[in-house]
Amino acid sequence: MKFYVMDRSGHSTLEFTPAQKAEADATFKALIGEGRTAATRQAGVHDYNVIRDPAQVQDETLFVPRLKGG
């Protein structure tokens, strides 16, 4: 599975194997704890679904930082 973590300069890609599920879950929780929104999809599908639980992670997950404005 791949995590795409968006930031000001673009994005970082984190890849996890099925054996690294615990590490992926911990990373998911840390990124959500920073205030990011997670959206996931199966490979080859165009639509993302917003999720809040690491058990719902599919092939690709996009983490978007909270929007700030004023």
C-alpha atoms as a PDB file:
ATOM      1  CA  MET A   1       0.000   0.000   0.000  1.00  0.00           C
ATOM      2  CA  LYS A   2       1.107   3.552  -0.664  1.00  0.00           C
ATOM      3  CA  PHE A   3       0.604   6.693   1.393  1.00  0.00           C
ATOM      4  CA  TYR A   4       0.893  10.036  -0.409  1.00  0.00           C
ATOM      5  CA  VAL A   5       1.523  12.805   2.118  1.00  0.00           C
ATOM      6  CA  MET A   6       0.864  16.268   0.687  1.00  0.00           C
ATOM      7  CA  ASP A   7       2.769  19.336   1.900  1.00  0.00           C
ATOM      8  CA  ARG A   8       3.811  22.776   0.637  1.00  0.00           C
ATOM      9  CA  SER A   9       6.526  21.418  -1.620  1.00  0.00           C
ATOM     10  CA  GLY A  10       4.484  18.639  -3.225  1.00  0.00           C
ATOM     11  CA  HIS A  11       4.231  15.200  -1.676  1.00  0.00           C
ATOM     12  CA  SER A  12       6.142  12.339  -0.096  1.00  0.00           C
ATOM     13  CA  THR A  13       5.397   8.704  -0.887  1.00  0.00           C
ATOM     14  CA  LEU A  14       5.530   6.056   1.829  1.00  0.00           C
ATOM     15  CA  GLU A  15       5.200   2.407   0.799  1.00  0.00           C
ATOM     16  CA  PHE A  16       4.275  -0.459   3.110  1.00  0.00           C
ATOM     17  CA  THR A  17       4.174  -4.213   2.523  1.00  0.00           C
ATOM     18  CA  PRO A  18       1.419  -6.366   4.076  1.00  0.00           C
ATOM     19  CA  ALA A  19       3.965  -7.440   6.721  1.00  0.00           C
ATOM     20  CA  GLN A  20       4.305  -3.791   7.778  1.00  0.00           C
ATOM     21  CA  LYS A  21       0.615  -3.373   8.651  1.00  0.00           C
ATOM     22  CA  ALA A  22       1.316  -2.294  12.249  1.00  0.00           C
ATOM     23  CA  GLU A  23       3.787   0.351  11.060  1.00  0.00           C
ATOM     24  CA  ALA A  24       1.297   1.603   8.444  1.00  0.00           C
ATOM     25  CA  ASP A  25      -1.448   1.828  11.096  1.00  0.00           C
ATOM     26  CA  ALA A  26       0.835   3.815  13.418  1.00  0.00           C
ATOM     27  CA  THR A  27       1.805   6.169  10.572  1.00  0.00           C
ATOM     28  CA  PHE A  28      -1.871   6.615   9.632  1.00  0.00           C
ATOM     29  CA  LYS A  29      -2.773   7.537  13.227  1.00  0.00           C
ATOM     30  CA  ALA A  30       0.171   9.953  13.486  1.00  0.00           C
ATOM     31  CA  LEU A  31      -0.773  11.748  10.260  1.00  0.00           C
ATOM     32  CA  ILE A  32      -4.429  12.003  11.285  1.00  0.00           C
ATOM     33  CA  GLY A  33      -3.287  13.262  14.687  1.00  0.00           C
ATOM     34  CA  GLU A  34      -1.459  16.114  12.927  1.00  0.00           C
ATOM     35  CA  GLY A  35      -4.812  17.240  11.527  1.00  0.00           C
ATOM     36  CA  ARG A  36      -4.537  15.719   8.049  1.00  0.00           C
ATOM     37  CA  THR A  37      -7.504  14.279   6.176  1.00  0.00           C
ATOM     38  CA  ALA A  38      -7.123  10.789   4.704  1.00  0.00           C
ATOM     39  CA  ALA A  39      -8.759   9.635   1.473  1.00  0.00           C
ATOM     40  CA  THR A  40      -8.244   6.152   0.053  1.00  0.00           C
ATOM     41  CA  ARG A  41      -8.941   4.207  -3.137  1.00  0.00           C
ATOM     42  CA  GLN A  42      -8.253   0.896  -4.830  1.00  0.00           C
ATOM     43  CA  ALA A  43      -5.633   0.908  -7.607  1.00  0.00           C
ATOM     44  CA  GLY A  44      -7.232   1.735 -10.951  1.00  0.00           C
ATOM     45  CA  VAL A  45     -10.292   3.419  -9.401  1.00  0.00           C
ATOM     46  CA  HIS A  46     -10.575   7.190  -9.847  1.00  0.00           C
ATOM     47  CA  ASP A  47     -12.689   8.128  -6.828  1.00  0.00           C
ATOM     48  CA  TYR A  48     -11.245   8.568  -3.351  1.00  0.00           C
ATOM     49  CA  ASN A  49     -13.270   8.000  -0.169  1.00  0.00           C
ATOM     50  CA  VAL A  50     -12.537   9.970   3.017  1.00  0.00           C
ATOM     51  CA  ILE A  51     -11.703   7.660   5.935  1.00  0.00           C
ATOM     52  CA  ARG A  52     -10.880   8.004   9.620  1.00  0.00           C
ATOM     53  CA  ASP A  53      -9.981   4.406  10.483  1.00  0.00           C
ATOM     54  CA  PRO A  54      -6.751   2.645   9.429  1.00  0.00           C
ATOM     55  CA  ALA A  55      -8.734  -0.571   8.892  1.00  0.00           C
ATOM     56  CA  GLN A  56     -10.342   1.091   5.836  1.00  0.00           C
ATOM     57  CA  VAL A  57      -7.012   1.762   4.056  1.00  0.00           C
ATOM     58  CA  GLN A  58      -6.907   0.405   0.506  1.00  0.00           C
ATOM     59  CA  ASP A  59      -4.122   0.411  -2.128  1.00  0.00           C
ATOM     60  CA  GLU A  60      -3.504   4.178  -2.197  1.00  0.00           C
ATOM     61  CA  THR A  61      -4.166   6.710   0.552  1.00  0.00           C
ATOM     62  CA  LEU A  62      -3.783  10.454   0.175  1.00  0.00           C
ATOM     63  CA  PHE A  63      -3.160  12.630   3.256  1.00  0.00           C
ATOM     64  CA  VAL A  64      -4.049  16.297   2.818  1.00  0.00           C
ATOM     65  CA  PRO A  65      -3.119  18.922   5.431  1.00  0.00           C
ATOM     66  CA  ARG A  66      -5.823  20.985   7.064  1.00  0.00           C
ATOM     67  CA  LEU A  67      -6.560  24.108   5.059  1.00  0.00           C
ATOM     68  CA  LYS A  68      -5.726  27.359   6.815  1.00  0.00           C
ATOM     69  CA  GLY A  69      -6.923  30.724   5.782  1.00  0.00           C
ATOM     70  CA  GLY A  70      -7.849  34.038   7.108  1.00  0.00           C
END
